[in-house]
Amino acid sequence: MTYDLRMPMPFDPGDFDYYDKIILMDRSEHAPMIDKLYPGKHPELEYWDIVDDYIRAPEEVLPILEKTVIELIDELKNH
């Protein structure tokens, strides 16, 4: 299966049991959808609260995203 890397990776209810961590970028955009599609699963998710780059300029968003990904890598290394 291939994914368009410009779009969010889809997931289904089984992913909540399979993955240790599910990260969504923007709480204000994604939380209402998650609450509607997967009631009660909202607390299991991690939101980075990084606005998508089609809303804010990539020059603003990408450095924040890079820093956050590096922090995640460090966390996983030390876990």
C-alpha atoms as a PDB file:
ATOM      1  CA  MET A   1       0.000   0.000   0.000  1.00  0.00           C
ATOM      2  CA  THR A   2       1.287   3.468  -0.823  1.00  0.00           C
ATOM      3  CA  TYR A   3       0.322   6.772   0.739  1.00  0.00           C
ATOM      4  CA  ASP A   4       0.354  10.292  -0.563  1.00  0.00           C
ATOM      5  CA  LEU A   5       2.911  11.809   1.819  1.00  0.00           C
ATOM      6  CA  ARG A   6       1.249  15.192   1.452  1.00  0.00           C
ATOM      7  CA  MET A   7      -1.886  13.865   3.150  1.00  0.00           C
ATOM      8  CA  PRO A   8      -2.449  12.439   6.632  1.00  0.00           C
ATOM      9  CA  MET A   9      -1.988   8.718   6.968  1.00  0.00           C
ATOM     10  CA  PRO A  10      -5.430   7.152   7.518  1.00  0.00           C
ATOM     11  CA  PHE A  11      -6.052   4.911  10.494  1.00  0.00           C
ATOM     12  CA  ASP A  12      -8.823   2.688  11.751  1.00  0.00           C
ATOM     13  CA  PRO A  13     -10.031   1.637  15.211  1.00  0.00           C
ATOM     14  CA  GLY A  14      -7.577  -1.293  15.330  1.00  0.00           C
ATOM     15  CA  ASP A  15      -4.696   1.156  15.273  1.00  0.00           C
ATOM     16  CA  PHE A  16      -5.602   2.308  18.788  1.00  0.00           C
ATOM     17  CA  ASP A  17      -4.672  -1.155  20.071  1.00  0.00           C
ATOM     18  CA  TYR A  18      -1.751  -1.760  17.701  1.00  0.00           C
ATOM     19  CA  TYR A  19       0.285   1.431  18.065  1.00  0.00           C
ATOM     20  CA  ASP A  20       1.868   2.683  21.279  1.00  0.00           C
ATOM     21  CA  LYS A  21       1.524   6.274  20.126  1.00  0.00           C
ATOM     22  CA  ILE A  22      -0.685   8.035  17.597  1.00  0.00           C
ATOM     23  CA  ILE A  23       0.233  11.635  16.887  1.00  0.00           C
ATOM     24  CA  LEU A  24      -1.994  14.191  15.233  1.00  0.00           C
ATOM     25  CA  MET A  25      -0.633  17.531  14.181  1.00  0.00           C
ATOM     26  CA  ASP A  26      -3.325  20.095  14.952  1.00  0.00           C
ATOM     27  CA  ARG A  27      -5.781  19.571  17.814  1.00  0.00           C
ATOM     28  CA  SER A  28      -8.198  22.273  16.626  1.00  0.00           C
ATOM     29  CA  GLU A  29      -8.457  20.663  13.202  1.00  0.00           C
ATOM     30  CA  HIS A  30      -8.399  16.964  14.109  1.00  0.00           C
ATOM     31  CA  ALA A  31      -9.974  16.609  17.581  1.00  0.00           C
ATOM     32  CA  PRO A  32     -13.554  17.264  16.417  1.00  0.00           C
ATOM     33  CA  MET A  33     -13.172  14.643  13.678  1.00  0.00           C
ATOM     34  CA  ILE A  34     -11.687  12.100  16.104  1.00  0.00           C
ATOM     35  CA  ASP A  35     -14.452  12.756  18.635  1.00  0.00           C
ATOM     36  CA  LYS A  36     -17.049  12.134  15.928  1.00  0.00           C
ATOM     37  CA  LEU A  37     -15.437   9.064  14.318  1.00  0.00           C
ATOM     38  CA  TYR A  38     -13.910   7.444  17.416  1.00  0.00           C
ATOM     39  CA  PRO A  39     -15.797   8.535  20.554  1.00  0.00           C
ATOM     40  CA  GLY A  40     -13.811   7.975  23.733  1.00  0.00           C
ATOM     41  CA  LYS A  41     -10.474   7.535  21.954  1.00  0.00           C
ATOM     42  CA  HIS A  42      -9.490  11.194  22.138  1.00  0.00           C
ATOM     43  CA  PRO A  43      -7.469  10.848  25.403  1.00  0.00           C
ATOM     44  CA  GLU A  44      -5.283   8.129  23.843  1.00  0.00           C
ATOM     45  CA  LEU A  45      -3.921  10.485  21.195  1.00  0.00           C
ATOM     46  CA  GLU A  46      -1.047  12.920  21.302  1.00  0.00           C
ATOM     47  CA  TYR A  47      -1.490  16.298  19.664  1.00  0.00           C
ATOM     48  CA  TRP A  48       1.508  18.373  18.693  1.00  0.00           C
ATOM     49  CA  ASP A  49      -0.593  21.487  18.038  1.00  0.00           C
ATOM     50  CA  ILE A  50       1.391  22.352  14.930  1.00  0.00           C
ATOM     51  CA  VAL A  51      -0.772  24.046  12.327  1.00  0.00           C
ATOM     52  CA  ASP A  52      -0.635  22.428   8.897  1.00  0.00           C
ATOM     53  CA  ASP A  53       1.642  24.041   6.345  1.00  0.00           C
ATOM     54  CA  TYR A  54      -1.238  24.861   4.019  1.00  0.00           C
ATOM     55  CA  ILE A  55      -2.566  27.222   6.725  1.00  0.00           C
ATOM     56  CA  ARG A  56       0.744  28.783   7.780  1.00  0.00           C
ATOM     57  CA  ALA A  57       3.844  29.234   5.663  1.00  0.00           C
ATOM     58  CA  PRO A  58       6.095  26.170   5.484  1.00  0.00           C
ATOM     59  CA  GLU A  59       9.008  28.370   6.601  1.00  0.00           C
ATOM     60  CA  GLU A  60       7.179  28.841   9.916  1.00  0.00           C
ATOM     61  CA  VAL A  61       5.848  25.312  10.343  1.00  0.00           C
ATOM     62  CA  LEU A  62       8.740  23.110   9.232  1.00  0.00           C
ATOM     63  CA  PRO A  63      11.309  24.260  11.836  1.00  0.00           C
ATOM     64  CA  ILE A  64       8.753  23.622  14.601  1.00  0.00           C
ATOM     65  CA  LEU A  65       7.945  20.206  13.149  1.00  0.00           C
ATOM     66  CA  GLU A  66      11.638  19.332  12.800  1.00  0.00           C
ATOM     67  CA  LYS A  67      12.320  20.242  16.434  1.00  0.00           C
ATOM     68  CA  THR A  68       9.328  18.209  17.616  1.00  0.00           C
ATOM     69  CA  VAL A  69      10.336  15.153  15.566  1.00  0.00           C
ATOM     70  CA  ILE A  70      13.875  15.344  16.975  1.00  0.00           C
ATOM     71  CA  GLU A  71      12.415  15.469  20.492  1.00  0.00           C
ATOM     72  CA  LEU A  72      10.282  12.396  19.695  1.00  0.00           C
ATOM     73  CA  ILE A  73      13.351  10.526  18.413  1.00  0.00           C
ATOM     74  CA  ASP A  74      15.241  11.387  21.604  1.00  0.00           C
ATOM     75  CA  GLU A  75      12.276  10.246  23.708  1.00  0.00           C
ATOM     76  CA  LEU A  76      12.078   6.935  21.827  1.00  0.00           C
ATOM     77  CA  LYS A  77      15.837   6.363  22.146  1.00  0.00           C
ATOM     78  CA  ASN A  78      15.623   6.837  25.914  1.00  0.00           C
ATOM     79  CA  HIS A  79      12.451   4.798  26.368  1.00  0.00           C
END
